[in-house]
Amino acid sequence: MGSIRIFHVVCLLSLLLRVCRVDCQTSQLSCSDELGANTPSNPRVPQTGKEPQICVSKTTCCTRQTEESLRVRAAKNIKTGLQTKYMAAKSSLLSLFDDLKGYFQGVIRESHRQSALFLINTQKNLTVAEVNVISNFFKDLENYLVDDKMELQDIVNTFFRNSFPLVLEYINPLGKTVSNSYKQCLKTNMDSIQPFGKRPAHLVGIFEQVFEPVRNLLSSVKFGKEVLSMAQQFNLTSGCKDVLLQMKFCSLCQGLNTVKPCHSYCMDTVSNCLTSETQLQAEWGSYVDTVFLLTESIGKSDLENFSNSIYKDLWNAATYVLIQKANVLSQVLDKCGTPTYIDAPASKTSQYANSVSPTPYVKVRLFAKMGDVKRSVYKLTSFFRELPRELCVVDELAAKQSNTDNCWNGKSVAKYTGLDTKPGTFLTSLESVNYFKMLVRKIQDKNVALKKSIVDRDGDDEGDESSGSASGTSGDNGNKIDGSACGADDEDCGSTASGRGNGKENEIPTVNDDDIEVSSTTQSSNMVGGGVGGLTSQKPGDALARGNSFSTLTVVPLFQLLALSLFVMLIRK
């Protein structure tokens, strides 16, 4: 009997607690200031004809007019959040583009520096005209990386075309300056004379293998930013504004000011509102994967070694002119006739040595740099798929995922069981569908083009520190370059003034007192350039006449001298 009484008492107390809790909750209901100035202090029974159409309840803080204002605000808030995410992603890609551009143009400048070190060890009196030819050559290579309209073949052909008159002028025994009209004739007829043989075409082929993937990587990053800008134009699906209103503001209309939408409720709602974005994830993810693979391929490439030894290919072209001297001179006379000269002052000598940087332009190894790029690219792989999470979780639009009972489910504070929407609520307009298809095709076309630049280097050792630049300090695990960017076993690269090398002196044949040491003076911000020094005459060479040739096989030292000197003309900065 006593136990029954105790049970009745417990039940009565439980009932009283529930009543008190309901009364307490009712007394806590108040209308938020977010609803506007004319909002009542507590929820009231709505007036007939002014009651809300979406946020329907027995008592409300909202009118139909208030609800329409909240409907617009709910969509605007989501769009503002989206724009913030897009701007952050585009800013990341822009920073990556600028970083890559600076790095690879630094690689070209380092290639220029290595060529300069080679030149100033073999020839002291470099003329301004000679230096300008090679300066423009490397500057064109820098511009090629970011200018889709420039072609490597045009860059290489321009370099050799401008070098040709200098070569002929150099071997002129009279030491005279060839007239501009005769120089133009030489340039015009260079393709038929072919003084450098097939070396220019060979160099173009190598350049395409090495530099095209780099330009494509830069282009792909820029294209990624373009895709994000185009995706920003997507519209919310039809009916989305009503659902966002219900998720974000209907709780306020009921006087529940502190409750947030349930996590799953927010994720489902935002995902359905961003149908175009979520559907674009598949193509975007595939595209980013391709950029990732391209970056990996470049990191394993021989870009460093090749860039730092371009001067060797130009050397080969110069020696070819010497070997074919008789034939070249014969064709020159056939095409352009007897040389005409002009009275001109002695050529000015460029202060080339003083303008060469004493330190490398590239401080980080290629494979290490590409590793950093891969990590940056990877962060954007799931950009579109993560948008709902970014808005609901990161921006704290929704309640915590662990809070499943005390959150807003669209109708009340209770567990979320799924969206209660009519069929066709989340439809996409025909215009939006066509825009989406256009963007997908654009990404697919770019993806196909990028894949052609990827070279499978799975057999290469990605961590091989013997390739590319000189080994870095142990503290950086070989990722940083210390001294010269030449390979450790490259005896022809640079000079003893820079880099570790192999401890040997520069083994390039020297020309007696024409050798010059690299200035240790820190260079100006103009890097490798060239002020103009005093006046000096160009060295006379052999006669520019039919059949006036010599045996390069029996006069080896002289051959080396001429080859080195001619090479100087071909690579100027």
Protein backbone atom coordinates (compact mmCIF):
# COMPACT_ATOMS: atom_id res chain seq x y z
CA MET A 1 0.00 0.00 0.00
CA GLY A 2 2.85 2.35 0.86
CA SER A 3 4.61 1.61 -2.40
CA ILE A 4 1.48 2.55 -4.37
CA ARG A 5 1.29 5.91 -2.59
CA ILE A 6 4.94 6.58 -3.35
CA PHE A 7 4.30 5.80 -7.04
CA HIS A 8 1.35 8.21 -7.13
CA VAL A 9 3.48 10.94 -5.56
CA VAL A 10 6.27 10.44 -8.11
CA CYS A 11 3.81 10.61 -11.01
CA LEU A 12 2.24 13.76 -9.62
CA LEU A 13 5.62 15.45 -9.21
CA SER A 14 6.60 14.49 -12.77
CA LEU A 15 3.39 15.99 -14.13
CA LEU A 16 3.94 19.19 -12.18
CA LEU A 17 7.51 19.47 -13.52
CA ARG A 18 6.28 19.14 -17.11
CA VAL A 19 3.65 21.82 -16.61
CA CYS A 20 6.24 24.11 -15.05
CA ARG A 21 8.66 23.49 -17.92
CA VAL A 22 5.98 24.34 -20.52
CA ASP A 23 4.96 27.46 -18.63
CA CYS A 24 8.63 28.43 -18.33
CA GLN A 25 9.26 27.94 -22.02
CA THR A 26 6.13 29.91 -22.90
CA SER A 27 7.19 32.74 -20.66
CA GLN A 28 10.64 32.75 -22.32
CA LEU A 29 9.21 33.21 -25.82
CA SER A 30 9.93 36.71 -27.09
CA CYS A 31 10.13 38.37 -30.45
CA SER A 32 13.62 39.14 -31.65
CA ASP A 33 14.76 42.60 -32.68
CA GLU A 34 15.95 40.95 -35.92
CA LEU A 35 12.33 40.92 -37.08
CA GLY A 36 12.06 44.70 -37.31
CA ALA A 37 10.94 47.76 -35.37
CA ASN A 38 7.18 47.07 -35.42
CA THR A 39 7.52 43.54 -34.08
CA PRO A 40 5.52 42.78 -30.90
CA SER A 41 7.39 41.85 -27.75
CA ASN A 42 5.81 38.37 -27.56
CA PRO A 43 4.21 35.98 -30.07
CA ARG A 44 0.54 36.73 -30.77
CA VAL A 45 -2.33 35.14 -32.61
CA PRO A 46 -1.95 36.32 -36.22
CA GLN A 47 -4.56 38.59 -37.79
CA THR A 48 -6.63 37.07 -40.55
CA GLY A 49 -5.24 38.03 -43.95
CA LYS A 50 -1.87 39.04 -42.46
CA GLU A 51 -0.73 35.65 -41.20
CA PRO A 52 2.55 34.17 -42.53
CA GLN A 53 2.34 31.67 -45.40
CA ILE A 54 5.50 29.64 -44.67
CA CYS A 55 6.16 30.12 -40.96
CA VAL A 56 2.72 28.96 -39.87
CA SER A 57 2.02 28.65 -36.11
CA LYS A 58 -0.76 29.38 -33.59
CA THR A 59 1.11 32.38 -32.23
CA THR A 60 3.71 34.33 -34.16
CA CYS A 61 5.96 37.35 -34.10
CA CYS A 62 5.70 37.73 -37.88
CA THR A 63 3.26 39.10 -40.39
CA ARG A 64 3.04 38.20 -44.05
CA GLN A 65 5.02 41.34 -44.88
CA THR A 66 7.69 40.48 -42.31
CA GLU A 67 7.92 36.98 -43.70
CA GLU A 68 8.54 38.24 -47.23
CA SER A 69 11.35 40.47 -45.98
CA LEU A 70 12.88 37.52 -44.10
CA ARG A 71 12.55 35.36 -47.20
CA VAL A 72 14.73 37.77 -49.19
CA ARG A 73 17.18 38.13 -46.31
CA ALA A 74 17.61 34.36 -45.91
CA ALA A 75 18.65 33.96 -49.56
CA LYS A 76 20.89 37.02 -49.37
CA ASN A 77 22.69 35.67 -46.30
CA ILE A 78 23.46 32.39 -48.07
CA LYS A 79 24.69 34.20 -51.18
CA THR A 80 26.91 36.46 -49.09
CA GLY A 81 28.41 33.44 -47.37
CA LEU A 82 28.97 31.79 -50.74
CA GLN A 83 30.71 34.85 -52.15
CA THR A 84 33.06 34.86 -49.18
CA LYS A 85 34.02 31.23 -49.87
CA TYR A 86 34.52 31.91 -53.57
CA MET A 87 36.63 34.98 -52.92
CA ALA A 88 38.86 33.07 -50.51
CA ALA A 89 39.36 30.23 -53.02
CA LYS A 90 40.09 32.64 -55.87
CA SER A 91 42.51 34.57 -53.70
CA SER A 92 44.29 31.30 -52.92
CA LEU A 93 44.61 30.49 -56.63
CA LEU A 94 45.78 34.01 -57.44
CA SER A 95 48.48 33.78 -54.78
CA LEU A 96 49.50 30.38 -56.11
CA PHE A 97 49.69 31.75 -59.66
CA ASP A 98 51.87 34.69 -58.58
CA ASP A 99 54.10 32.37 -56.57
CA LEU A 100 54.53 29.94 -59.46
CA LYS A 101 55.09 32.74 -61.94
CA GLY A 102 57.80 34.23 -59.75
CA TYR A 103 59.44 30.86 -59.19
CA PHE A 104 59.59 29.75 -62.82
CA GLN A 105 60.63 33.15 -64.09
CA GLY A 106 63.34 32.92 -61.46
CA VAL A 107 64.37 29.61 -63.05
CA ILE A 108 64.72 31.43 -66.39
CA ARG A 109 66.71 34.23 -64.77
CA GLU A 110 68.98 31.66 -63.17
CA SER A 111 69.47 30.10 -66.60
CA HIS A 112 70.38 33.55 -67.85
CA ARG A 113 72.81 33.99 -64.97
CA GLN A 114 74.53 30.67 -65.70
CA SER A 115 74.91 31.66 -69.35
CA ALA A 116 76.32 35.02 -68.28
CA LEU A 117 78.87 33.35 -66.01
CA PHE A 118 79.93 31.19 -68.92
CA LEU A 119 80.26 34.19 -71.23
CA ILE A 120 82.24 36.43 -68.93
CA ASN A 121 84.71 33.61 -68.37
CA THR A 122 85.37 33.36 -72.09
CA GLN A 123 84.93 36.86 -73.51
CA LYS A 124 85.51 40.24 -71.89
CA ASN A 125 84.57 42.76 -74.54
CA LEU A 126 80.91 41.96 -75.07
CA THR A 127 79.20 44.66 -77.07
CA VAL A 128 75.84 46.14 -76.19
CA ALA A 129 74.35 44.73 -79.39
CA GLU A 130 75.56 41.26 -78.50
CA VAL A 131 74.29 41.46 -74.95
CA ASN A 132 70.89 42.70 -76.09
CA VAL A 133 70.36 39.62 -78.26
CA ILE A 134 70.67 37.21 -75.38
CA SER A 135 68.89 39.54 -72.94
CA ASN A 136 65.85 39.62 -75.19
CA PHE A 137 66.04 35.86 -75.66
CA PHE A 138 65.73 35.10 -71.95
CA LYS A 139 63.18 37.86 -71.42
CA ASP A 140 61.04 36.30 -74.15
CA LEU A 141 61.30 32.95 -72.39
CA GLU A 142 60.06 34.57 -69.18
CA ASN A 143 57.12 36.16 -70.97
CA TYR A 144 56.31 32.91 -72.77
CA LEU A 145 55.40 31.26 -69.47
CA VAL A 146 52.45 33.60 -68.91
CA ASP A 147 51.57 34.73 -72.44
CA ASP A 148 49.49 32.19 -74.35
CA LYS A 149 50.05 34.08 -77.61
CA MET A 150 53.82 33.61 -77.63
CA GLU A 151 55.32 30.56 -79.35
CA LEU A 152 58.63 28.92 -78.55
CA GLN A 153 59.47 28.52 -82.21
CA ASP A 154 59.12 32.28 -82.74
CA ILE A 155 61.32 32.99 -79.71
CA VAL A 156 64.10 30.65 -80.83
CA ASN A 157 63.91 31.76 -84.47
CA THR A 158 64.05 35.42 -83.45
CA PHE A 159 67.13 34.77 -81.34
CA PHE A 160 69.05 33.01 -84.11
CA ARG A 161 67.83 35.44 -86.75
CA ASN A 162 69.14 38.38 -84.73
CA SER A 163 72.37 36.50 -83.99
CA PHE A 164 73.14 35.71 -87.64
CA PRO A 165 74.27 39.24 -88.69
CA LEU A 166 76.44 39.47 -85.57
CA VAL A 167 78.16 36.21 -86.48
CA LEU A 168 78.88 37.40 -90.02
CA GLU A 169 80.01 40.77 -88.75
CA TYR A 170 82.29 39.14 -86.23
CA ILE A 171 84.22 37.09 -88.79
CA ASN A 172 84.63 40.12 -91.05
CA PRO A 173 88.42 40.82 -91.18
CA LEU A 174 87.95 44.51 -91.92
CA GLY A 175 86.33 45.19 -88.56
CA LYS A 176 83.60 47.24 -90.27
CA THR A 177 79.95 47.50 -89.39
CA VAL A 178 77.62 45.83 -91.87
CA SER A 179 74.86 48.12 -93.14
CA ASN A 180 71.32 47.77 -91.80
CA SER A 181 69.99 46.81 -95.22
CA TYR A 182 72.53 44.00 -95.49
CA LYS A 183 71.68 42.82 -91.98
CA GLN A 184 68.03 42.72 -92.95
CA CYS A 185 68.89 40.66 -96.01
CA LEU A 186 70.74 38.17 -93.81
CA LYS A 187 67.76 37.88 -91.47
CA THR A 188 65.31 37.50 -94.33
CA ASN A 189 67.31 34.73 -95.98
CA MET A 190 68.37 32.89 -92.84
CA ASP A 191 65.78 30.13 -93.34
CA SER A 192 67.22 29.25 -96.74
CA ILE A 193 70.87 29.70 -95.73
CA GLN A 194 70.43 27.76 -92.47
CA PRO A 195 73.74 28.88 -90.95
CA PHE A 196 72.94 27.03 -87.72
CA GLY A 197 71.71 23.89 -89.44
CA LYS A 198 68.92 22.07 -87.62
CA ARG A 199 70.07 23.29 -84.22
CA PRO A 200 67.26 25.86 -83.84
CA ALA A 201 64.59 23.26 -84.64
CA HIS A 202 66.21 20.83 -82.23
CA LEU A 203 66.24 23.47 -79.52
CA VAL A 204 62.56 24.24 -80.11
CA GLY A 205 61.73 20.57 -79.61
CA ILE A 206 63.57 20.45 -76.29
CA PHE A 207 62.03 23.74 -75.15
CA GLU A 208 58.55 22.42 -75.86
CA GLN A 209 59.17 19.33 -73.75
CA VAL A 210 60.52 21.36 -70.83
CA PHE A 211 58.65 24.66 -70.82
CA GLU A 212 55.21 23.80 -72.23
CA PRO A 213 54.18 21.82 -69.12
CA VAL A 214 55.23 24.78 -66.98
CA ARG A 215 53.16 27.21 -69.01
CA ASN A 216 50.24 24.78 -68.91
CA LEU A 217 50.51 24.58 -65.13
CA LEU A 218 50.37 28.35 -64.83
CA SER A 219 47.50 28.42 -67.30
CA SER A 220 45.63 25.73 -65.36
CA VAL A 221 45.82 27.73 -62.13
CA LYS A 222 44.53 30.81 -63.93
CA PHE A 223 41.77 28.72 -65.50
CA GLY A 224 40.76 27.39 -62.08
CA LYS A 225 40.17 30.95 -60.93
CA GLU A 226 38.11 31.54 -64.08
CA VAL A 227 35.94 28.50 -63.30
CA LEU A 228 35.26 29.79 -59.79
CA SER A 229 34.28 33.19 -61.19
CA MET A 230 31.85 31.54 -63.59
CA ALA A 231 30.42 29.28 -60.87
CA GLN A 232 29.70 32.37 -58.79
CA GLN A 233 27.01 33.20 -61.33
CA PHE A 234 24.96 30.10 -60.48
CA ASN A 235 21.45 30.86 -59.22
CA LEU A 236 19.78 29.22 -56.24
CA THR A 237 17.25 26.58 -57.22
CA SER A 238 13.60 27.61 -57.41
CA GLY A 239 11.78 27.26 -54.11
CA CYS A 240 15.06 27.59 -52.26
CA LYS A 241 14.16 30.94 -50.74
CA ASP A 242 11.11 29.47 -49.00
CA VAL A 243 13.11 26.56 -47.60
CA LEU A 244 15.90 28.85 -46.40
CA LEU A 245 13.29 31.07 -44.77
CA GLN A 246 11.83 28.08 -42.96
CA MET A 247 15.24 26.90 -41.82
CA LYS A 248 16.68 30.23 -40.69
CA PHE A 249 13.82 32.48 -39.56
CA CYS A 250 10.66 30.49 -38.82
CA SER A 251 12.02 29.74 -35.34
CA LEU A 252 12.26 33.50 -34.73
CA CYS A 253 8.65 33.91 -35.80
CA GLN A 254 7.70 31.45 -33.05
CA GLY A 255 9.71 33.44 -30.50
CA LEU A 256 12.63 30.96 -30.32
CA ASN A 257 15.58 33.32 -30.49
CA THR A 258 18.52 31.12 -29.51
CA VAL A 259 17.82 27.84 -31.26
CA LYS A 260 19.74 26.90 -34.43
CA PRO A 261 18.78 24.59 -37.31
CA CYS A 262 19.71 20.94 -36.83
CA HIS A 263 23.01 20.01 -38.48
CA SER A 264 21.53 17.51 -40.97
CA TYR A 265 18.63 19.85 -41.69
CA CYS A 266 21.03 22.65 -42.64
CA MET A 267 23.22 20.35 -44.74
CA ASP A 268 20.25 18.94 -46.67
CA THR A 269 18.72 22.37 -47.27
CA VAL A 270 21.90 24.08 -48.46
CA SER A 271 22.90 21.11 -50.64
CA ASN A 272 19.55 21.20 -52.42
CA CYS A 273 19.79 24.96 -52.88
CA LEU A 274 23.27 24.59 -54.41
CA THR A 275 22.42 21.85 -56.89
CA SER A 276 24.59 23.29 -59.68
CA GLU A 277 27.59 23.66 -57.39
CA THR A 278 27.35 20.15 -55.96
CA GLN A 279 26.91 18.64 -59.43
CA LEU A 280 29.97 20.54 -60.68
CA GLN A 281 32.13 18.82 -58.05
CA ALA A 282 32.74 15.74 -60.23
CA GLU A 283 34.26 17.72 -63.12
CA TRP A 284 36.09 20.09 -60.80
CA GLY A 285 37.58 17.22 -58.81
CA SER A 286 38.76 15.52 -62.00
CA TYR A 287 40.33 18.76 -63.20
CA VAL A 288 42.16 19.39 -59.92
CA ASP A 289 43.44 15.79 -60.01
CA THR A 290 44.93 16.48 -63.44
CA VAL A 291 46.60 19.67 -62.20
CA PHE A 292 47.96 17.64 -59.29
CA LEU A 293 49.46 15.05 -61.67
CA LEU A 294 50.91 17.77 -63.91
CA THR A 295 52.55 19.38 -60.90
CA GLU A 296 53.99 16.03 -59.86
CA SER A 297 55.33 15.42 -63.38
CA ILE A 298 57.08 18.80 -63.48
CA GLY A 299 58.58 18.14 -60.06
CA LYS A 300 60.23 14.99 -61.41
CA SER A 301 61.36 16.59 -64.68
CA ASP A 302 64.85 17.70 -65.73
CA LEU A 303 63.83 21.36 -65.88
CA GLU A 304 66.55 22.52 -63.49
CA ASN A 305 69.44 20.82 -65.26
CA PHE A 306 68.26 21.81 -68.71
CA SER A 307 67.60 25.45 -67.82
CA ASN A 308 71.03 25.81 -66.27
CA SER A 309 72.77 24.41 -69.34
CA ILE A 310 70.94 26.13 -72.20
CA TYR A 311 74.21 27.80 -73.11
CA LYS A 312 75.59 24.40 -74.12
CA ASP A 313 72.95 24.07 -76.84
CA LEU A 314 73.79 27.55 -78.05
CA TRP A 315 77.48 26.57 -78.03
CA ASN A 316 76.67 23.67 -80.36
CA ALA A 317 74.93 26.05 -82.74
CA ALA A 318 77.97 28.36 -82.77
CA THR A 319 80.40 25.55 -83.51
CA TYR A 320 78.20 24.42 -86.38
CA VAL A 321 78.60 27.83 -88.03
CA LEU A 322 82.38 27.49 -87.81
CA ILE A 323 82.41 23.99 -89.23
CA GLN A 324 80.16 25.04 -92.11
CA LYS A 325 81.82 28.42 -92.56
CA ALA A 326 82.74 28.04 -96.24
CA ASN A 327 79.28 26.85 -97.20
CA VAL A 328 77.57 29.56 -95.14
CA LEU A 329 79.66 32.36 -96.63
CA SER A 330 79.02 31.05 -100.12
CA GLN A 331 75.25 31.13 -99.60
CA VAL A 332 75.42 34.56 -98.01
CA LEU A 333 77.12 35.99 -101.09
CA ASP A 334 74.60 34.24 -103.33
CA LYS A 335 71.58 35.56 -101.46
CA CYS A 336 72.71 39.02 -100.39
CA GLY A 337 75.71 39.82 -102.59
CA THR A 338 78.86 41.59 -101.50
CA PRO A 339 78.56 43.05 -98.00
CA THR A 340 77.92 46.77 -97.70
CA TYR A 341 79.30 48.68 -94.76
CA ILE A 342 78.62 51.91 -92.95
CA ASP A 343 80.94 54.26 -91.15
CA ALA A 344 80.15 53.81 -87.49
CA PRO A 345 82.00 54.39 -84.23
CA ALA A 346 83.50 51.46 -82.44
CA SER A 347 80.95 49.28 -80.69
CA LYS A 348 80.30 50.10 -77.08
CA THR A 349 81.26 47.48 -74.55
CA SER A 350 78.59 46.39 -72.09
CA GLN A 351 79.55 46.19 -68.43
CA TYR A 352 78.22 42.66 -68.41
CA ALA A 353 80.24 41.26 -65.51
CA ASN A 354 79.15 44.00 -63.11
CA SER A 355 75.49 43.28 -63.75
CA VAL A 356 75.55 39.53 -63.05
CA SER A 357 74.02 38.55 -59.74
CA PRO A 358 76.54 36.89 -57.40
CA THR A 359 73.78 34.71 -55.92
CA PRO A 360 71.29 32.33 -57.53
CA TYR A 361 67.77 33.49 -58.28
CA VAL A 362 66.28 30.16 -57.23
CA LYS A 363 66.60 29.13 -53.60
CA VAL A 364 64.28 26.10 -53.52
CA ARG A 365 64.68 22.85 -55.42
CA LEU A 366 62.10 22.12 -58.09
CA PHE A 367 60.75 18.91 -56.54
CA ALA A 368 60.34 20.65 -53.17
CA LYS A 369 58.54 23.60 -54.74
CA MET A 370 56.17 21.32 -56.63
CA GLY A 371 55.50 19.49 -53.38
CA ASP A 372 54.30 22.77 -51.86
CA VAL A 373 52.14 23.41 -54.92
CA LYS A 374 50.55 19.97 -54.68
CA ARG A 375 49.56 20.65 -51.10
CA SER A 376 47.99 23.97 -52.10
CA VAL A 377 46.10 22.36 -54.98
CA TYR A 378 44.89 19.50 -52.81
CA LYS A 379 43.11 21.91 -50.45
CA LEU A 380 40.78 22.92 -53.29
CA THR A 381 39.97 19.40 -54.51
CA SER A 382 36.57 19.23 -52.75
CA PHE A 383 35.70 22.91 -52.90
CA PHE A 384 32.17 22.56 -54.29
CA ARG A 385 31.29 19.47 -52.26
CA GLU A 386 32.40 21.22 -49.08
CA LEU A 387 30.31 24.37 -49.59
CA PRO A 388 27.32 23.14 -47.51
CA ARG A 389 29.64 22.14 -44.68
CA GLU A 390 31.49 25.46 -44.90
CA LEU A 391 28.23 27.37 -44.48
CA CYS A 392 26.55 25.14 -41.90
CA VAL A 393 29.52 24.10 -39.76
CA VAL A 394 32.41 26.52 -40.31
CA ASP A 395 30.16 29.58 -40.38
CA GLU A 396 28.12 28.05 -37.51
CA LEU A 397 24.81 28.46 -39.29
CA ALA A 398 23.65 25.14 -37.81
CA ALA A 399 23.68 23.61 -34.35
CA LYS A 400 26.48 21.23 -33.46
CA GLN A 401 26.20 17.80 -35.03
CA SER A 402 25.99 16.16 -31.61
CA ASN A 403 22.96 18.28 -30.69
CA THR A 404 20.20 16.26 -32.35
CA ASP A 405 17.21 16.94 -30.05
CA ASN A 406 17.47 20.57 -28.97
CA CYS A 407 17.63 22.07 -32.48
CA TRP A 408 15.22 23.51 -35.03
CA ASN A 409 13.88 20.96 -37.54
CA GLY A 410 11.83 23.41 -39.59
CA LYS A 411 8.65 23.16 -37.52
CA SER A 412 9.67 22.84 -33.91
CA VAL A 413 12.53 22.16 -31.54
CA ALA A 414 12.87 18.43 -32.02
CA LYS A 415 14.89 15.78 -33.80
CA TYR A 416 15.26 16.27 -37.56
CA THR A 417 13.80 13.40 -39.62
CA GLY A 418 14.22 14.72 -43.17
CA LEU A 419 13.11 17.52 -45.45
CA ASP A 420 9.36 17.94 -45.70
CA THR A 421 9.15 19.57 -49.12
CA LYS A 422 6.85 19.17 -52.07
CA PRO A 423 8.12 17.52 -55.29
CA GLY A 424 9.72 20.06 -57.60
CA THR A 425 10.76 22.40 -54.80
CA PHE A 426 14.41 22.39 -55.90
CA LEU A 427 14.20 22.85 -59.66
CA THR A 428 16.84 24.48 -61.86
CA SER A 429 15.82 26.82 -64.67
CA LEU A 430 16.57 25.94 -68.29
CA GLU A 431 18.91 28.91 -68.52
CA SER A 432 20.85 27.66 -65.49
CA VAL A 433 21.00 24.14 -66.92
CA ASN A 434 22.47 25.40 -70.20
CA TYR A 435 24.98 27.58 -68.35
CA PHE A 436 26.00 24.60 -66.24
CA LYS A 437 26.50 22.39 -69.31
CA MET A 438 28.62 25.07 -70.98
CA LEU A 439 30.89 25.30 -67.93
CA VAL A 440 31.21 21.51 -67.72
CA ARG A 441 32.30 21.32 -71.38
CA LYS A 442 34.81 24.10 -70.77
CA ILE A 443 36.36 22.20 -67.86
CA GLN A 444 36.42 18.92 -69.80
CA ASP A 445 38.17 20.50 -72.79
CA LYS A 446 40.81 22.08 -70.56
CA ASN A 447 41.26 18.80 -68.72
CA VAL A 448 41.94 16.92 -71.95
CA ALA A 449 44.50 19.53 -73.05
CA LEU A 450 46.30 19.39 -69.70
CA LYS A 451 46.60 15.62 -69.72
CA LYS A 452 48.68 15.85 -72.90
CA SER A 453 51.35 17.75 -70.95
CA ILE A 454 51.74 15.07 -68.30
CA VAL A 455 54.77 12.84 -68.71
CA ASP A 456 54.69 9.57 -66.80
CA ARG A 457 57.81 9.64 -64.64
CA ASP A 458 56.87 6.88 -62.23
CA GLY A 459 60.25 5.25 -62.79
CA ASP A 460 62.03 8.39 -61.60
CA ASP A 461 63.14 8.89 -58.05
CA GLU A 462 61.21 11.91 -56.84
CA GLY A 463 63.54 12.45 -53.95
CA ASP A 464 66.74 12.17 -55.98
CA GLU A 465 68.75 15.14 -54.83
CA SER A 466 71.50 14.50 -57.32
CA SER A 467 69.33 15.85 -60.12
CA GLY A 468 68.66 19.48 -60.84
CA SER A 469 70.36 22.01 -58.66
CA ALA A 470 73.29 21.68 -56.32
CA SER A 471 72.46 19.92 -53.08
CA GLY A 472 71.06 22.05 -50.30
CA THR A 473 72.06 22.24 -46.71
CA SER A 474 71.36 19.27 -44.49
CA GLY A 475 69.01 21.32 -42.36
CA ASP A 476 66.65 21.72 -45.31
CA ASN A 477 66.80 18.12 -46.46
CA GLY A 478 68.15 19.21 -49.83
CA ASN A 479 65.15 21.40 -50.58
CA LYS A 480 67.10 24.65 -50.69
CA ILE A 481 69.82 25.59 -53.14
CA ASP A 482 73.11 26.77 -51.74
CA GLY A 483 75.28 28.65 -54.20
CA SER A 484 75.11 27.78 -57.88
CA ALA A 485 72.05 26.19 -59.39
CA CYS A 486 74.24 24.02 -61.59
CA GLY A 487 74.44 20.30 -61.11
CA ALA A 488 77.22 19.10 -58.86
CA ASP A 489 78.83 17.17 -61.70
CA ASP A 490 78.42 19.94 -64.28
CA GLU A 491 81.93 21.16 -65.04
CA ASP A 492 80.77 23.66 -67.65
CA CYS A 493 78.17 25.44 -65.58
CA GLY A 494 78.80 28.78 -63.95
CA SER A 495 82.12 29.71 -62.43
CA THR A 496 84.10 29.22 -59.26
CA ALA A 497 82.54 32.38 -57.93
CA SER A 498 79.25 30.64 -57.23
CA GLY A 499 78.02 27.29 -56.08
CA ARG A 500 79.76 24.31 -54.65
CA GLY A 501 80.30 22.41 -57.86
CA ASN A 502 82.88 19.69 -57.55
CA GLY A 503 85.73 21.77 -56.26
CA LYS A 504 87.33 22.22 -59.70
CA GLU A 505 88.02 25.42 -61.53
CA ASN A 506 85.82 26.25 -64.48
CA GLU A 507 87.15 23.98 -67.22
CA ILE A 508 85.83 25.98 -70.16
CA PRO A 509 88.74 26.83 -72.48
CA THR A 510 89.91 30.35 -71.78
CA VAL A 511 91.25 32.99 -74.11
CA ASN A 512 94.39 34.34 -72.44
CA ASP A 513 93.85 37.87 -71.20
CA ASP A 514 90.25 37.92 -72.42
CA ASP A 515 89.20 36.11 -69.25
CA ILE A 516 87.38 38.14 -66.65
CA GLU A 517 86.45 37.46 -63.04
CA VAL A 518 82.89 37.72 -61.79
CA SER A 519 82.41 40.89 -59.81
CA SER A 520 81.53 40.24 -56.19
CA THR A 521 79.66 43.52 -56.00
CA THR A 522 75.99 43.03 -55.22
CA GLN A 523 73.94 43.65 -58.31
CA SER A 524 71.21 46.19 -58.61
CA SER A 525 67.52 45.41 -58.89
CA ASN A 526 67.92 45.28 -62.65
CA MET A 527 69.67 41.93 -62.29
CA VAL A 528 71.46 40.82 -65.43
CA GLY A 529 71.32 43.82 -67.65
CA GLY A 530 74.02 46.04 -68.81
CA GLY A 531 75.13 49.53 -68.42
CA VAL A 532 77.24 50.89 -71.20
CA GLY A 533 80.96 51.32 -70.64
CA GLY A 534 83.77 52.76 -72.69
CA LEU A 535 84.28 52.41 -76.42
CA THR A 536 86.16 49.54 -77.96
CA SER A 537 86.54 47.99 -81.37
CA GLN A 538 85.25 44.56 -82.21
CA LYS A 539 87.86 41.96 -82.92
CA PRO A 540 88.48 41.28 -86.59
CA GLY A 541 87.81 37.78 -87.82
CA ASP A 542 88.32 35.96 -91.07
CA ALA A 543 87.35 37.30 -94.48
CA LEU A 544 83.72 37.33 -95.51
CA ALA A 545 84.46 36.02 -98.96
CA ARG A 546 83.59 33.02 -101.10
CA GLY A 547 85.79 30.03 -100.36
CA ASN A 548 87.96 31.80 -97.82
CA SER A 549 87.90 29.11 -95.15
CA PHE A 550 90.40 27.34 -92.96
CA SER A 551 90.87 23.88 -91.58
CA THR A 552 89.19 23.58 -88.20
CA LEU A 553 90.68 20.13 -87.84
CA THR A 554 94.31 21.24 -87.88
CA VAL A 555 94.00 24.50 -85.98
CA VAL A 556 92.23 23.30 -82.85
CA PRO A 557 93.16 26.19 -80.50
CA LEU A 558 92.02 28.76 -83.03
CA PHE A 559 88.81 26.81 -83.56
CA GLN A 560 88.10 26.92 -79.85
CA LEU A 561 88.78 30.62 -79.74
CA LEU A 562 86.41 31.36 -82.60
CA ALA A 563 83.76 29.00 -81.30
CA LEU A 564 83.79 30.64 -77.91
CA SER A 565 83.75 34.10 -79.38
CA LEU A 566 80.93 33.27 -81.77
CA PHE A 567 78.94 31.76 -78.97
CA VAL A 568 79.28 35.04 -77.13
CA MET A 569 77.36 36.67 -79.94
CA LEU A 570 74.65 34.08 -79.89
CA ILE A 571 73.74 34.37 -76.26
CA ARG A 572 73.65 37.94 -75.06
CA LYS A 573 71.99 39.51 -72.08
